[in-house]
Protein backbone atom coordinates (compact mmCIF):
# COMPACT_ATOMS: atom_id res chain seq x y z
CA UNK A 1 -0.04 0.07 0.15
CA UNK A 2 1.47 3.69 -0.58
CA UNK A 3 2.04 5.41 2.46
CA UNK A 4 -1.06 7.66 2.60
CA UNK A 5 -0.38 11.42 4.48
CA UNK A 6 -3.31 11.83 6.55
CA UNK A 7 -3.92 15.57 8.35
CA UNK A 8 -4.68 15.33 12.39
CA UNK A 9 -8.54 15.45 13.15
CA UNK A 10 -9.98 18.92 14.10
CA UNK A 11 -10.93 19.45 17.31
CA UNK A 12 -13.43 22.18 19.12
CA UNK A 13 -11.72 25.43 18.92
CA UNK A 14 -9.54 24.72 16.03
CA UNK A 15 -9.14 27.05 13.35
CA UNK A 16 -10.20 26.23 9.73
CA UNK A 17 -8.64 28.84 6.97
CA UNK A 18 -10.91 30.17 4.55
CA UNK A 19 -9.07 30.43 1.49
CA UNK A 20 -10.40 31.48 -2.15
CA UNK A 21 -7.77 29.69 -5.15
CA UNK A 22 -10.59 30.46 -7.25
CA UNK A 23 -13.60 32.30 -7.81
CA UNK A 24 -14.63 35.33 -6.23
CA UNK A 25 -16.93 35.84 -3.38
CA UNK A 26 -20.21 36.12 -5.39
CA UNK A 27 -22.98 36.08 -2.37
CA UNK A 28 -22.15 37.58 0.82
CA UNK A 29 -25.51 35.98 2.74
CA UNK A 30 -23.92 32.49 1.52
CA UNK A 31 -20.72 33.36 2.76
CA UNK A 32 -22.10 34.83 6.75
CA UNK A 33 -23.91 31.83 6.32
CA UNK A 34 -21.10 28.95 6.10
CA UNK A 35 -19.21 30.96 8.29
CA UNK A 36 -21.93 30.83 11.00
CA UNK A 37 -22.16 27.29 10.32
CA UNK A 38 -18.64 26.54 10.93
CA UNK A 39 -18.86 28.46 14.34
CA UNK A 40 -22.05 26.38 15.40
CA UNK A 41 -19.57 23.38 15.06
CA UNK A 42 -17.27 24.67 17.20
CA UNK A 43 -14.43 25.87 14.77
CA UNK A 44 -13.08 29.07 14.56
CA UNK A 45 -13.21 30.72 11.05
CA UNK A 46 -10.12 32.87 9.63
CA UNK A 47 -10.78 34.73 6.92
CA UNK A 48 -9.13 38.12 5.47
CA UNK A 49 -10.77 41.37 7.17
CA UNK A 50 -11.66 42.68 3.81
CA UNK A 51 -12.47 39.42 1.76
CA UNK A 52 -10.82 39.43 -1.56
CA UNK A 53 -11.09 42.02 -3.81
CA UNK A 54 -12.12 40.04 -7.12
CA UNK A 55 -10.02 40.33 -10.00
CA UNK A 56 -12.75 39.51 -12.94
CA UNK A 57 -14.10 36.09 -12.30
CA UNK A 58 -11.45 35.35 -10.26
CA UNK A 59 -10.99 36.31 -6.22
CA UNK A 60 -7.56 37.79 -6.51
CA UNK A 61 -4.70 37.69 -8.79
CA UNK A 62 -2.56 34.22 -9.39
CA UNK A 63 -0.12 35.17 -7.53
CA UNK A 64 -2.16 36.50 -4.08
CA UNK A 65 -4.11 33.14 -4.20
CA UNK A 66 -1.20 30.88 -4.38
CA UNK A 67 0.45 33.35 -1.29
CA UNK A 68 -2.72 33.05 0.58
CA UNK A 69 -2.93 29.20 0.35
CA UNK A 70 0.92 29.06 1.56
CA UNK A 71 0.50 31.76 4.35
CA UNK A 72 -2.13 29.33 5.73
CA UNK A 73 -0.61 26.09 5.28
CA UNK A 74 2.71 27.80 6.92
CA UNK A 75 0.39 29.14 10.09
CA UNK A 76 0.65 26.91 13.28
CA UNK A 77 -2.73 28.07 14.38
CA UNK A 78 -4.20 26.90 11.33
CA UNK A 79 -5.47 23.26 11.20
CA UNK A 80 -7.46 22.90 7.91
CA UNK A 81 -8.05 25.02 4.66
CA UNK A 82 -11.62 25.47 3.46
CA UNK A 83 -12.15 26.75 0.03
CA UNK A 84 -14.27 29.73 -0.21
CA UNK A 85 -15.95 28.46 -3.47
CA UNK A 86 -15.57 26.97 -6.65
CA UNK A 87 -15.49 28.01 -10.32
CA UNK A 88 -11.89 28.55 -12.03
CA UNK A 89 -8.21 29.71 -10.79
CA UNK A 90 -6.71 26.80 -9.12
CA UNK A 91 -5.08 25.48 -12.34
CA UNK A 92 -3.66 29.25 -12.83
CA UNK A 93 -1.68 29.20 -9.56
CA UNK A 94 -1.20 25.60 -8.85
CA UNK A 95 2.59 25.66 -9.86
CA UNK A 96 2.98 28.81 -7.23
CA UNK A 97 2.29 26.44 -4.36
CA UNK A 98 4.98 25.30 -2.08
CA UNK A 99 4.60 21.83 -2.16
CA UNK A 100 7.64 20.70 0.57
CA UNK A 101 5.39 22.30 2.84
CA UNK A 102 1.94 20.60 2.03
CA UNK A 103 4.28 17.33 2.10
CA UNK A 104 5.90 17.90 5.42
CA UNK A 105 2.77 19.70 7.12
CA UNK A 106 -0.40 17.52 6.14
CA UNK A 107 -3.38 19.82 6.83
CA UNK A 108 -6.96 19.45 5.66
CA UNK A 109 -7.94 20.68 2.47
CA UNK A 110 -11.85 20.86 1.65
CA UNK A 111 -13.46 21.68 -1.48
CA UNK A 112 -14.93 20.41 -4.61
CA UNK A 113 -15.57 21.26 -8.29
CA UNK A 114 -12.57 23.81 -8.76
CA UNK A 115 -10.50 22.28 -5.96
CA UNK A 116 -10.37 19.20 -7.88
CA UNK A 117 -6.82 20.52 -9.14
CA UNK A 118 -5.66 20.81 -6.00
CA UNK A 119 -6.88 17.37 -4.11
CA UNK A 120 -5.54 15.62 -7.31
CA UNK A 121 -2.07 17.68 -7.42
CA UNK A 122 -1.52 17.00 -3.90
CA UNK A 123 -2.31 13.47 -3.92
CA UNK A 124 0.07 12.49 -6.76
CA UNK A 125 2.98 14.65 -5.57
CA UNK A 126 2.45 14.94 -1.59
CA UNK A 127 0.26 11.46 -1.16
CA UNK A 128 -2.15 13.78 1.14
CA UNK A 129 -5.67 12.60 1.76
CA UNK A 130 -8.23 15.73 1.34
CA UNK A 131 -11.12 15.89 1.66
CA UNK A 132 -13.55 16.60 -1.53
CA UNK A 133 -16.69 18.20 0.31
CA UNK A 134 -19.04 21.14 0.53
CA UNK A 135 -17.26 24.59 0.35
CA UNK A 136 -17.84 27.57 2.12
CA UNK A 137 -20.42 29.17 0.25
CA UNK A 138 -22.25 25.68 -0.34
CA UNK A 139 -22.36 24.67 3.32
CA UNK A 140 -25.54 26.54 3.95
CA UNK A 141 -27.49 24.87 0.95
CA UNK A 142 -26.15 21.44 2.15
CA UNK A 143 -28.32 18.77 3.28
CA UNK A 144 -28.36 17.45 6.75
CA UNK A 145 -26.97 13.96 6.25
CA UNK A 146 -24.04 15.94 4.12
CA UNK A 147 -23.33 18.52 7.02
CA UNK A 148 -23.23 15.54 9.20
CA UNK A 149 -20.56 13.32 6.81
CA UNK A 150 -18.83 16.85 6.68
CA UNK A 151 -18.31 17.09 10.12
CA UNK A 152 -17.55 13.96 10.65
CA UNK A 153 -14.59 14.35 8.39
CA UNK A 154 -13.28 17.20 9.71
CA UNK A 155 -13.27 15.22 13.35
CA UNK A 156 -11.15 12.42 11.73
CA UNK A 157 -14.04 9.68 11.32
CA UNK A 158 -13.42 9.96 7.09
CA UNK A 159 -12.79 5.99 7.54
CA UNK A 160 -16.22 5.63 8.80
CA UNK A 161 -17.99 3.33 5.68
CA UNK A 162 -20.49 5.21 3.31
CA UNK A 163 -23.54 2.56 2.99
CA UNK A 164 -25.02 4.12 -0.33
CA UNK A 165 -28.71 3.26 -0.48
CA UNK A 166 -29.43 4.96 -3.63
CA UNK A 167 -26.26 3.85 -5.62
CA UNK A 168 -27.10 1.60 -8.77
CA UNK A 169 -24.66 -0.90 -9.11
CA UNK A 170 -24.02 -1.09 -13.06
CA UNK A 171 -21.77 -3.75 -13.23
CA UNK A 172 -19.84 -5.71 -11.06
CA UNK A 173 -20.36 -8.14 -8.34
CA UNK A 174 -16.92 -8.44 -6.49
CA UNK A 175 -14.79 -5.96 -4.48
CA UNK A 176 -12.59 -3.65 -5.94
CA UNK A 177 -9.81 -1.52 -4.79
CA UNK A 178 -7.36 1.42 -5.07
CA UNK A 179 -6.69 4.94 -3.86
CA UNK A 180 -9.84 7.37 -4.70
CA UNK A 181 -9.23 10.40 -6.97
CA UNK A 182 -11.48 12.05 -9.00
CA UNK A 183 -13.73 15.12 -8.73
CA UNK A 184 -15.08 17.51 -11.15
CA UNK A 185 -14.62 15.91 -14.78
CA UNK A 186 -14.44 19.09 -16.80
CA UNK A 187 -11.77 20.45 -14.38
CA UNK A 188 -9.91 16.98 -14.02
CA UNK A 189 -9.46 17.00 -17.87
CA UNK A 190 -7.90 20.39 -17.91
CA UNK A 191 -5.27 18.38 -15.73
CA UNK A 192 -4.34 16.27 -18.79
CA UNK A 193 -1.01 16.59 -20.59
CA UNK A 194 -0.01 19.09 -17.46
CA UNK A 195 2.44 18.82 -14.77
CA UNK A 196 -0.60 18.32 -12.67
CA UNK A 197 -2.28 15.43 -14.12
CA UNK A 198 -2.86 12.37 -11.64
CA UNK A 199 -2.03 9.02 -12.17
CA UNK A 200 -5.15 6.81 -13.01
CA UNK A 201 -3.87 3.36 -13.00
CA UNK A 202 -5.22 1.07 -10.28
CA UNK A 203 -7.52 4.08 -8.70
CA UNK A 204 -10.93 4.28 -8.40
CA UNK A 205 -12.53 7.16 -9.95
CA UNK A 206 -15.25 9.47 -9.11
CA UNK A 207 -16.93 11.76 -11.23
CA UNK A 208 -19.50 14.54 -11.21
CA UNK A 209 -20.07 17.79 -13.20
CA UNK A 210 -22.89 20.49 -13.41
CA UNK A 211 -24.75 22.41 -16.52
CA UNK A 212 -23.01 20.31 -19.06
CA UNK A 213 -25.42 19.13 -21.63
CA UNK A 214 -25.27 15.36 -22.67
CA UNK A 215 -23.30 15.57 -25.72
CA UNK A 216 -20.02 17.41 -23.59
CA UNK A 217 -20.45 15.06 -20.74
CA UNK A 218 -19.78 12.12 -23.95
CA UNK A 219 -17.54 14.67 -25.23
CA UNK A 220 -15.39 14.69 -22.25
CA UNK A 221 -15.96 11.02 -21.39
CA UNK A 222 -14.62 10.06 -24.73
CA UNK A 223 -11.82 11.92 -24.24
CA UNK A 224 -10.77 10.37 -21.14
CA UNK A 225 -10.91 6.82 -22.71
CA UNK A 226 -9.09 7.98 -25.99
CA UNK A 227 -6.48 9.36 -23.61
CA UNK A 228 -5.84 6.29 -22.07
CA UNK A 229 -6.98 7.19 -18.78
CA UNK A 230 -9.60 4.29 -18.09
CA UNK A 231 -8.27 1.16 -19.35
CA UNK A 232 -6.55 0.31 -16.41
CA UNK A 233 -8.47 1.96 -13.69
CA UNK A 234 -9.91 -0.41 -10.32
CA UNK A 235 -13.43 1.04 -10.82
CA UNK A 236 -16.11 4.46 -11.77
CA UNK A 237 -18.31 6.04 -9.69
CA UNK A 238 -20.46 8.57 -10.97
CA UNK A 239 -22.09 11.32 -9.10
CA UNK A 240 -24.71 13.89 -10.07
CA UNK A 241 -24.59 15.64 -13.02
CA UNK A 242 -28.13 17.57 -13.25
CA UNK A 243 -27.80 20.05 -16.04
CA UNK A 244 -29.32 22.59 -13.52
CA UNK A 245 -31.62 22.36 -10.63
CA UNK A 246 -34.93 22.77 -13.04
CA UNK A 247 -34.99 19.53 -14.32
CA UNK A 248 -37.64 17.84 -13.77
CA UNK A 249 -37.24 14.33 -12.45
CA UNK A 250 -37.86 12.04 -15.90
CA UNK A 251 -35.55 14.04 -17.27
CA UNK A 252 -33.00 13.99 -14.84
CA UNK A 253 -33.41 10.12 -14.74
CA UNK A 254 -32.99 10.03 -18.69
CA UNK A 255 -30.02 12.33 -18.47
CA UNK A 256 -28.23 10.02 -16.08
CA UNK A 257 -28.93 6.97 -17.76
CA UNK A 258 -27.31 8.14 -21.03
CA UNK A 259 -24.48 8.90 -19.17
CA UNK A 260 -24.41 5.55 -17.48
CA UNK A 261 -24.66 3.85 -20.63
CA UNK A 262 -22.02 5.73 -22.24
CA UNK A 263 -19.59 4.65 -19.41
CA UNK A 264 -20.41 1.72 -19.37
CA UNK A 265 -19.96 1.19 -23.22
CA UNK A 266 -16.57 2.86 -23.27
CA UNK A 267 -15.20 0.33 -20.39
CA UNK A 268 -16.97 -2.59 -21.74
CA UNK A 269 -14.13 -4.39 -22.71
CA UNK A 270 -12.86 -3.54 -19.51
CA UNK A 271 -15.08 -5.31 -16.83
CA UNK A 272 -14.45 -2.81 -14.01
CA UNK A 273 -17.18 -2.21 -11.49
CA UNK A 274 -19.05 1.15 -12.46
CA UNK A 275 -21.56 2.59 -10.31
CA UNK A 276 -24.40 5.45 -10.56
CA UNK A 277 -25.88 7.66 -8.21
CA UNK A 278 -23.16 8.34 -5.55
CA UNK A 279 -24.83 11.35 -3.91
CA UNK A 280 -21.56 13.42 -4.60
CA UNK A 281 -22.08 17.02 -6.78
CA UNK A 282 -23.16 20.33 -6.99
CA UNK A 283 -26.26 20.24 -5.23
CA UNK A 284 -27.55 19.59 -1.64
CA UNK A 285 -26.75 16.16 -1.70
CA UNK A 286 -22.34 16.77 -1.14
CA UNK A 287 -21.40 13.81 0.62
CA UNK A 288 -17.75 14.17 1.86
CA UNK A 289 -15.13 11.83 0.73
CA UNK A 290 -11.50 11.36 1.53
CA UNK A 291 -9.78 11.85 -1.81
CA UNK A 292 -6.36 9.86 -2.25
CA UNK A 293 -7.56 7.06 0.49
CA UNK A 294 -6.88 3.48 0.00
CA UNK A 295 -10.63 2.73 -0.65
CA UNK A 296 -13.07 -0.64 -1.21
CA UNK A 297 -16.04 -1.16 -3.43
CA UNK A 298 -18.41 -3.57 -2.03
CA UNK A 299 -20.61 -3.79 -4.97
CA UNK A 300 -22.54 -6.61 -3.12
CA UNK A 301 -23.04 -4.20 0.16
CA UNK A 302 -23.42 -0.79 -1.97
CA UNK A 303 -20.58 0.19 0.34
CA UNK A 304 -17.66 2.31 0.19
CA UNK A 305 -14.50 1.20 3.01
CA UNK A 306 -11.64 3.77 3.28
CA UNK A 307 -8.65 2.31 4.77
């Protein structure tokens, strides 16, 4: 088993640094609601007094966003780093991150969407286990179950198995094992051919996306296959791909079943297990996952186990 660098669990009173490595703050109400929830959980959020200035669609300049992450990571009082939101921007400043510091001082990094860049980069280069879960600005919209799982993982219980009653086993009746990687599909694709591209071989890959019509999802999945990234993975778990929040139930079901069908078609020669319906994505159901952790897909019991 590859050595895993697991951050220390958070305790009541611990400081969570709020970083903005990607998009700028859009909604102050979402920000305030997220801060309030962290305080109710017993943590101390730390963020810039003047918040972030905003540079176009980014929270700040590339250099300033990278410097913020590096300073928070170096701060001995900060136990975890929670992303403000996703959007876009992590790829632009990834090369400016102090990887030696990340490697030598493991801390919790939490977020999803564009934070997929950091999760996969840190996992590949430092073996860090990070938390793919809500951002600060999505906390208030998260379901009760998602908030409970978020708190459970922050306090060190990320190894607690996930019993996934709503998941459909599309292929496979045996256990599959590998390090868990992935995240947002469109963001993951931007890493291909870059210095930040993760290793896919013998990994369990989970994917989600939002706002993408079916043909674009098909194109991205096909690119992953043609790039040779799906041929030797251990398994695939598909999360939420809802095009928008206004999709009718029947439309949503057809949309997801078409995506599942395309994944099964692409991987038909591999025989790898494929699950659909993981409650992870841009909606209220976004269960926190330990990105980079050794994971077992138990298809018979519809359960994810983390080692």
